[in-house]
């Protein structure tokens, strides 16, 4: 069995934190304001409730999202982005800008 070597550049750790189809979308929605579970489910068409719950749990475990349960009847739970999650959102925004520039470059290259 191979020993797992540490991620010296940190990129693999970052990709694991935001990997998957929904995490960046969740991060974007939550950076705007806190949301309840049902709100997030409505704002992300195509995500199942099971997948949403799984992704939120993973992001909470990674310190990107916080979950706040209010002691009310009926129960209310809100999810919000943490300071660590906001810093990751900054990085994702930069990657998004690069992706848009790259797509433009590919279109221009194909047209030439």
Protein backbone atom coordinates (compact mmCIF):
# COMPACT_ATOMS: atom_id res chain seq x y z
CA UNK A 1 0.00 0.00 0.00
CA UNK A 2 1.37 3.42 -0.97
CA UNK A 3 1.76 6.09 1.66
CA UNK A 4 -0.20 9.23 0.95
CA UNK A 5 2.13 12.15 0.34
CA UNK A 6 1.12 15.62 1.51
CA UNK A 7 -0.21 18.10 -1.02
CA UNK A 8 2.78 20.43 -1.20
CA UNK A 9 1.12 23.07 -3.39
CA UNK A 10 -2.31 22.95 -1.74
CA UNK A 11 -4.21 22.80 -5.02
CA UNK A 12 -5.49 19.25 -4.48
CA UNK A 13 -6.83 20.22 -1.05
CA UNK A 14 -8.60 23.22 -2.57
CA UNK A 15 -10.10 21.12 -5.36
CA UNK A 16 -11.33 18.55 -2.84
CA UNK A 17 -13.05 21.31 -0.85
CA UNK A 18 -14.89 22.64 -3.92
CA UNK A 19 -14.96 19.47 -6.02
CA UNK A 20 -18.23 18.15 -7.32
CA UNK A 21 -21.04 19.61 -9.29
CA UNK A 22 -22.78 21.66 -6.58
CA UNK A 23 -20.28 23.05 -4.09
CA UNK A 24 -19.31 26.15 -6.04
CA UNK A 25 -22.97 26.93 -6.71
CA UNK A 26 -23.78 26.51 -3.02
CA UNK A 27 -20.85 28.70 -2.07
CA UNK A 28 -22.06 31.38 -4.47
CA UNK A 29 -25.64 31.31 -3.17
CA UNK A 30 -24.55 31.43 0.45
CA UNK A 31 -22.09 34.28 -0.06
CA UNK A 32 -25.05 36.49 -0.97
CA UNK A 33 -26.90 35.83 2.30
CA UNK A 34 -27.84 32.97 4.64
CA UNK A 35 -30.42 30.54 3.27
CA UNK A 36 -32.67 27.87 4.63
CA UNK A 37 -32.47 24.36 3.19
CA UNK A 38 -35.67 24.68 1.12
CA UNK A 39 -34.50 28.03 -0.30
CA UNK A 40 -31.24 26.49 -1.45
CA UNK A 41 -33.12 23.57 -2.97
CA UNK A 42 -35.31 25.97 -4.98
CA UNK A 43 -32.36 28.12 -6.08
CA UNK A 44 -30.41 25.13 -7.41
CA UNK A 45 -32.69 23.36 -9.90
CA UNK A 46 -31.61 19.79 -10.51
CA UNK A 47 -30.06 19.06 -7.12
CA UNK A 48 -31.78 16.37 -5.08
CA UNK A 49 -32.51 16.91 -1.41
CA UNK A 50 -30.17 14.02 -0.57
CA UNK A 51 -27.31 15.56 -2.56
CA UNK A 52 -27.95 19.02 -1.10
CA UNK A 53 -27.84 17.64 2.45
CA UNK A 54 -24.65 15.68 1.65
CA UNK A 55 -22.88 18.66 0.10
CA UNK A 56 -23.87 20.97 2.98
CA UNK A 57 -22.59 18.42 5.53
CA UNK A 58 -19.27 18.10 3.68
CA UNK A 59 -18.89 21.86 3.40
CA UNK A 60 -19.71 22.26 7.08
CA UNK A 61 -17.10 19.62 7.97
CA UNK A 62 -14.56 21.51 5.82
CA UNK A 63 -15.32 24.77 7.64
CA UNK A 64 -16.80 26.48 4.57
CA UNK A 65 -20.41 26.66 5.74
CA UNK A 66 -21.99 27.10 9.14
CA UNK A 67 -25.33 25.68 10.19
CA UNK A 68 -27.45 27.53 12.72
CA UNK A 69 -30.50 25.87 14.26
CA UNK A 70 -32.98 28.23 15.90
CA UNK A 71 -34.94 27.07 18.93
CA UNK A 72 -38.36 27.80 17.42
CA UNK A 73 -41.55 26.02 16.48
CA UNK A 74 -41.55 25.10 13.67
CA UNK A 75 -37.79 24.44 13.65
CA UNK A 76 -35.68 26.74 11.50
CA UNK A 77 -32.16 26.08 10.25
CA UNK A 78 -30.06 28.53 8.23
CA UNK A 79 -26.82 27.95 6.39
CA UNK A 80 -24.28 30.70 5.86
CA UNK A 81 -20.79 30.96 4.46
CA UNK A 82 -17.93 31.18 6.96
CA UNK A 83 -14.94 33.50 6.74
CA UNK A 84 -12.93 30.57 5.38
CA UNK A 85 -15.66 29.94 2.80
CA UNK A 86 -15.62 33.60 1.77
CA UNK A 87 -11.88 33.39 1.16
CA UNK A 88 -12.45 30.32 -1.02
CA UNK A 89 -15.19 32.18 -2.89
CA UNK A 90 -12.60 34.85 -3.74
CA UNK A 91 -10.39 32.14 -5.27
CA UNK A 92 -13.32 30.60 -7.16
CA UNK A 93 -14.24 34.03 -8.53
CA UNK A 94 -10.69 34.42 -9.87
CA UNK A 95 -10.87 30.96 -11.47
CA UNK A 96 -14.24 31.86 -13.00
CA UNK A 97 -12.77 35.01 -14.56
CA UNK A 98 -9.90 32.94 -15.96
CA UNK A 99 -12.37 30.39 -17.36
CA UNK A 100 -14.32 33.11 -19.15
CA UNK A 101 -11.11 34.52 -20.67
CA UNK A 102 -10.11 31.04 -21.76
CA UNK A 103 -13.48 30.38 -23.40
CA UNK A 104 -13.17 33.70 -25.28
CA UNK A 105 -9.67 32.73 -26.39
CA UNK A 106 -10.93 29.36 -27.70
CA UNK A 107 -13.76 31.03 -29.66
CA UNK A 108 -11.38 33.60 -31.17
CA UNK A 109 -8.86 30.89 -32.04
CA UNK A 110 -11.52 28.82 -33.78
CA UNK A 111 -12.77 31.86 -35.75
CA UNK A 112 -9.27 32.70 -37.00
